[in-house]
């Protein structure tokens, strides 16, 4: 869904519904010519969203908010969790793994994984970490595709 403003009333209403559903959402911020690409963070409340300084981003920045339910395999990595994930993933399919222990800026680590060996490696390397895993989400580049989606909120800073 595409919005013209970060504080659109309908956007806030939808975002609150997503937070009520799952307790958190992911927010991707792309700042052009920043040298760092995108930064993915976890937002757990409307207040945290409003305090995230989105309104202070430079013109041309893009913000995308993704439903956490896009990443349904969620838990603390232990041997049972690794076994469950390995049983549900398919060799050759791409997945996103979000390591939920965020840094001091609220950013989480995102890994894009395309093989079972890599999946097992990342899981074992991050034992005892809270994680969310799901299919790789391709955020469409065409306005019409974003506008029609009900799993992604998108807006540009003008």
C-alpha atoms as a PDB file:
ATOM      1  CA  UNK A   1       0.000   0.000   0.000  1.00  0.00           C
ATOM      2  CA  UNK A   2       1.440   3.321  -0.994  1.00  0.00           C
ATOM      3  CA  UNK A   3       0.926   6.491   1.029  1.00  0.00           C
ATOM      4  CA  UNK A   4       1.971  10.070   0.405  1.00  0.00           C
ATOM      5  CA  UNK A   5       2.845  10.797   4.014  1.00  0.00           C
ATOM      6  CA  UNK A   6       4.371   8.973   6.999  1.00  0.00           C
ATOM      7  CA  UNK A   7       1.628  10.274   9.292  1.00  0.00           C
ATOM      8  CA  UNK A   8      -1.408   9.591   7.092  1.00  0.00           C
ATOM      9  CA  UNK A   9      -4.304   8.644   9.417  1.00  0.00           C
ATOM     10  CA  UNK A  10      -5.136   5.505   7.427  1.00  0.00           C
ATOM     11  CA  UNK A  11      -1.474   4.405   7.467  1.00  0.00           C
ATOM     12  CA  UNK A  12      -1.350   4.816  11.259  1.00  0.00           C
ATOM     13  CA  UNK A  13      -4.593   2.830  11.608  1.00  0.00           C
ATOM     14  CA  UNK A  14      -3.267  -0.027   9.438  1.00  0.00           C
ATOM     15  CA  UNK A  15       0.078   0.016  11.239  1.00  0.00           C
ATOM     16  CA  UNK A  16      -1.672  -0.178  14.622  1.00  0.00           C
ATOM     17  CA  UNK A  17      -3.657  -3.186  13.360  1.00  0.00           C
ATOM     18  CA  UNK A  18      -0.439  -4.923  12.301  1.00  0.00           C
ATOM     19  CA  UNK A  19       1.133  -4.195  15.685  1.00  0.00           C
ATOM     20  CA  UNK A  20      -1.962  -5.524  17.469  1.00  0.00           C
ATOM     21  CA  UNK A  21      -1.749  -8.693  15.347  1.00  0.00           C
ATOM     22  CA  UNK A  22       1.912  -9.501  15.857  1.00  0.00           C
ATOM     23  CA  UNK A  23       3.476  -7.064  18.327  1.00  0.00           C
ATOM     24  CA  UNK A  24       6.094  -5.791  15.881  1.00  0.00           C
ATOM     25  CA  UNK A  25       6.724  -4.717  12.296  1.00  0.00           C
ATOM     26  CA  UNK A  26       9.879  -4.222  10.266  1.00  0.00           C
ATOM     27  CA  UNK A  27      10.742  -0.839   8.840  1.00  0.00           C
ATOM     28  CA  UNK A  28      13.204  -0.414   5.965  1.00  0.00           C
ATOM     29  CA  UNK A  29      14.668   3.027   5.367  1.00  0.00           C
ATOM     30  CA  UNK A  30      16.581   3.820   2.192  1.00  0.00           C
ATOM     31  CA  UNK A  31      18.480   7.108   2.128  1.00  0.00           C
ATOM     32  CA  UNK A  32      19.817   7.888  -1.341  1.00  0.00           C
ATOM     33  CA  UNK A  33      23.513   8.711  -1.711  1.00  0.00           C
ATOM     34  CA  UNK A  34      24.175   7.670   1.882  1.00  0.00           C
ATOM     35  CA  UNK A  35      26.564   4.853   1.045  1.00  0.00           C
ATOM     36  CA  UNK A  36      24.765   2.417   3.299  1.00  0.00           C
ATOM     37  CA  UNK A  37      21.772   1.202   1.296  1.00  0.00           C
ATOM     38  CA  UNK A  38      18.891   0.255   3.550  1.00  0.00           C
ATOM     39  CA  UNK A  39      18.587  -0.180   7.260  1.00  0.00           C
ATOM     40  CA  UNK A  40      16.002  -2.549   8.726  1.00  0.00           C
ATOM     41  CA  UNK A  41      14.656  -1.951  12.223  1.00  0.00           C
ATOM     42  CA  UNK A  42      11.972  -3.429  14.424  1.00  0.00           C
ATOM     43  CA  UNK A  43       9.128  -1.172  15.553  1.00  0.00           C
ATOM     44  CA  UNK A  44       6.966  -2.379  18.452  1.00  0.00           C
ATOM     45  CA  UNK A  45       4.578   0.544  18.987  1.00  0.00           C
ATOM     46  CA  UNK A  46       3.045   3.555  17.276  1.00  0.00           C
ATOM     47  CA  UNK A  47       5.005   5.769  19.668  1.00  0.00           C
ATOM     48  CA  UNK A  48       8.274   4.122  18.564  1.00  0.00           C
ATOM     49  CA  UNK A  49       7.227   4.663  14.942  1.00  0.00           C
ATOM     50  CA  UNK A  50       6.492   8.341  15.557  1.00  0.00           C
ATOM     51  CA  UNK A  51       9.784   8.762  17.451  1.00  0.00           C
ATOM     52  CA  UNK A  52      11.825   7.156  14.651  1.00  0.00           C
ATOM     53  CA  UNK A  53      12.546  10.564  13.042  1.00  0.00           C
ATOM     54  CA  UNK A  54      11.067   9.548   9.704  1.00  0.00           C
ATOM     55  CA  UNK A  55       9.921  13.133   9.242  1.00  0.00           C
ATOM     56  CA  UNK A  56      13.565  14.260   9.406  1.00  0.00           C
ATOM     57  CA  UNK A  57      14.786  12.030   6.559  1.00  0.00           C
ATOM     58  CA  UNK A  58      16.253  13.760   3.536  1.00  0.00           C
ATOM     59  CA  UNK A  59      14.158  14.262   0.444  1.00  0.00           C
ATOM     60  CA  UNK A  60      14.185  11.245  -1.857  1.00  0.00           C
ATOM     61  CA  UNK A  61      14.320   8.718   0.984  1.00  0.00           C
ATOM     62  CA  UNK A  62      12.011   5.731   0.782  1.00  0.00           C
ATOM     63  CA  UNK A  63      10.386   3.993   3.736  1.00  0.00           C
ATOM     64  CA  UNK A  64       8.793   0.540   3.628  1.00  0.00           C
ATOM     65  CA  UNK A  65       7.039  -1.158   6.524  1.00  0.00           C
ATOM     66  CA  UNK A  66       6.635  -4.932   6.357  1.00  0.00           C
ATOM     67  CA  UNK A  67       4.301  -7.139   8.367  1.00  0.00           C
ATOM     68  CA  UNK A  68       6.242  -9.338  10.769  1.00  0.00           C
ATOM     69  CA  UNK A  69       3.911 -12.220   9.896  1.00  0.00           C
ATOM     70  CA  UNK A  70       5.742 -12.413   6.548  1.00  0.00           C
ATOM     71  CA  UNK A  71       8.405 -14.210   8.615  1.00  0.00           C
ATOM     72  CA  UNK A  72       6.393 -16.923  10.392  1.00  0.00           C
ATOM     73  CA  UNK A  73       9.207 -19.110  11.734  1.00  0.00           C
ATOM     74  CA  UNK A  74       9.910 -17.260  14.968  1.00  0.00           C
ATOM     75  CA  UNK A  75      11.655 -18.238  18.157  1.00  0.00           C
ATOM     76  CA  UNK A  76      14.871 -18.578  20.101  1.00  0.00           C
ATOM     77  CA  UNK A  77      17.439 -20.614  18.189  1.00  0.00           C
ATOM     78  CA  UNK A  78      18.073 -23.956  19.872  1.00  0.00           C
ATOM     79  CA  UNK A  79      18.444 -27.499  18.514  1.00  0.00           C
ATOM     80  CA  UNK A  80      14.668 -28.065  18.288  1.00  0.00           C
ATOM     81  CA  UNK A  81      14.176 -24.754  16.454  1.00  0.00           C
ATOM     82  CA  UNK A  82      16.967 -25.598  13.994  1.00  0.00           C
ATOM     83  CA  UNK A  83      15.365 -28.994  13.299  1.00  0.00           C
ATOM     84  CA  UNK A  84      11.946 -27.354  12.738  1.00  0.00           C
ATOM     85  CA  UNK A  85      13.368 -24.712  10.361  1.00  0.00           C
ATOM     86  CA  UNK A  86      15.412 -27.225   8.403  1.00  0.00           C
ATOM     87  CA  UNK A  87      12.266 -29.344   7.961  1.00  0.00           C
ATOM     88  CA  UNK A  88      10.294 -26.392   6.577  1.00  0.00           C
ATOM     89  CA  UNK A  89      12.843 -24.856   4.216  1.00  0.00           C
ATOM     90  CA  UNK A  90      13.414 -25.931   0.636  1.00  0.00           C
ATOM     91  CA  UNK A  91      16.811 -26.120  -1.052  1.00  0.00           C
ATOM     92  CA  UNK A  92      17.152 -23.401  -3.688  1.00  0.00           C
ATOM     93  CA  UNK A  93      14.384 -21.193  -2.286  1.00  0.00           C
ATOM     94  CA  UNK A  94      15.438 -17.860  -0.837  1.00  0.00           C
ATOM     95  CA  UNK A  95      14.680 -16.897   2.748  1.00  0.00           C
ATOM     96  CA  UNK A  96      15.219 -13.891   4.968  1.00  0.00           C
ATOM     97  CA  UNK A  97      16.488 -14.382   8.500  1.00  0.00           C
ATOM     98  CA  UNK A  98      16.075 -11.519  10.954  1.00  0.00           C
ATOM     99  CA  UNK A  99      18.282 -11.685  14.022  1.00  0.00           C
ATOM    100  CA  UNK A 100      16.077  -9.795  16.434  1.00  0.00           C
ATOM    101  CA  UNK A 101      18.707  -8.740  18.990  1.00  0.00           C
ATOM    102  CA  UNK A 102      18.939  -5.199  17.691  1.00  0.00           C
ATOM    103  CA  UNK A 103      21.842  -2.797  18.057  1.00  0.00           C
ATOM    104  CA  UNK A 104      21.697   0.509  19.941  1.00  0.00           C
ATOM    105  CA  UNK A 105      19.836   2.098  17.006  1.00  0.00           C
ATOM    106  CA  UNK A 106      17.123  -0.559  16.969  1.00  0.00           C
ATOM    107  CA  UNK A 107      18.429  -2.153  13.782  1.00  0.00           C
ATOM    108  CA  UNK A 108      18.256  -5.895  13.344  1.00  0.00           C
ATOM    109  CA  UNK A 109      20.588  -8.012  11.227  1.00  0.00           C
ATOM    110  CA  UNK A 110      19.021  -9.410   8.063  1.00  0.00           C
ATOM    111  CA  UNK A 111      20.536 -12.339   6.179  1.00  0.00           C
ATOM    112  CA  UNK A 112      19.321 -13.489   2.769  1.00  0.00           C
ATOM    113  CA  UNK A 113      19.786 -17.238   2.543  1.00  0.00           C
ATOM    114  CA  UNK A 114      19.495 -19.451  -0.535  1.00  0.00           C
ATOM    115  CA  UNK A 115      20.804 -22.838   0.569  1.00  0.00           C
ATOM    116  CA  UNK A 116      20.099 -25.295   3.361  1.00  0.00           C
ATOM    117  CA  UNK A 117      23.803 -25.365   4.259  1.00  0.00           C
ATOM    118  CA  UNK A 118      23.813 -21.582   4.722  1.00  0.00           C
ATOM    119  CA  UNK A 119      20.574 -21.762   6.729  1.00  0.00           C
ATOM    120  CA  UNK A 120      22.039 -24.340   9.110  1.00  0.00           C
ATOM    121  CA  UNK A 121      25.293 -22.356   9.390  1.00  0.00           C
ATOM    122  CA  UNK A 122      23.548 -19.089  10.319  1.00  0.00           C
ATOM    123  CA  UNK A 123      21.229 -20.817  12.762  1.00  0.00           C
ATOM    124  CA  UNK A 124      24.050 -22.663  14.514  1.00  0.00           C
ATOM    125  CA  UNK A 125      26.240 -19.542  14.552  1.00  0.00           C
ATOM    126  CA  UNK A 126      23.471 -17.568  16.289  1.00  0.00           C
ATOM    127  CA  UNK A 127      22.354 -20.118  18.872  1.00  0.00           C
ATOM    128  CA  UNK A 128      20.235 -18.607  21.707  1.00  0.00           C
ATOM    129  CA  UNK A 129      19.254 -15.582  19.576  1.00  0.00           C
ATOM    130  CA  UNK A 130      15.658 -14.599  18.849  1.00  0.00           C
ATOM    131  CA  UNK A 131      15.013 -14.874  15.124  1.00  0.00           C
ATOM    132  CA  UNK A 132      12.244 -14.547  12.534  1.00  0.00           C
ATOM    133  CA  UNK A 133      12.526 -16.415   9.222  1.00  0.00           C
ATOM    134  CA  UNK A 134      10.338 -16.416   6.148  1.00  0.00           C
ATOM    135  CA  UNK A 135      10.431 -16.347   2.376  1.00  0.00           C
ATOM    136  CA  UNK A 136      12.549 -13.660   0.755  1.00  0.00           C
ATOM    137  CA  UNK A 137      10.240 -10.704   0.191  1.00  0.00           C
ATOM    138  CA  UNK A 138      10.800  -8.888  -3.054  1.00  0.00           C
ATOM    139  CA  UNK A 139       9.585  -5.346  -2.635  1.00  0.00           C
ATOM    140  CA  UNK A 140       8.199  -4.357  -6.031  1.00  0.00           C
ATOM    141  CA  UNK A 141       9.597  -1.314  -7.766  1.00  0.00           C
ATOM    142  CA  UNK A 142       6.425  -0.350  -9.601  1.00  0.00           C
ATOM    143  CA  UNK A 143       4.019   1.994  -7.851  1.00  0.00           C
ATOM    144  CA  UNK A 144       0.994  -0.023  -9.010  1.00  0.00           C
ATOM    145  CA  UNK A 145       2.321  -3.235  -7.440  1.00  0.00           C
ATOM    146  CA  UNK A 146       3.068  -1.580  -4.082  1.00  0.00           C
ATOM    147  CA  UNK A 147      -0.302   0.183  -4.037  1.00  0.00           C
ATOM    148  CA  UNK A 148      -2.093  -3.172  -4.419  1.00  0.00           C
ATOM    149  CA  UNK A 149      -0.136  -5.077  -1.742  1.00  0.00           C
ATOM    150  CA  UNK A 150      -1.551  -5.518   1.729  1.00  0.00           C
ATOM    151  CA  UNK A 151       1.674  -6.700   3.366  1.00  0.00           C
ATOM    152  CA  UNK A 152       3.862  -3.671   2.682  1.00  0.00           C
ATOM    153  CA  UNK A 153       3.325  -0.005   3.466  1.00  0.00           C
ATOM    154  CA  UNK A 154       5.482   2.301   1.380  1.00  0.00           C
ATOM    155  CA  UNK A 155       6.010   6.052   1.116  1.00  0.00           C
ATOM    156  CA  UNK A 156       8.618   8.481  -0.175  1.00  0.00           C
ATOM    157  CA  UNK A 157       9.926  11.519   1.630  1.00  0.00           C
ATOM    158  CA  UNK A 158       9.247  14.517  -0.602  1.00  0.00           C
END
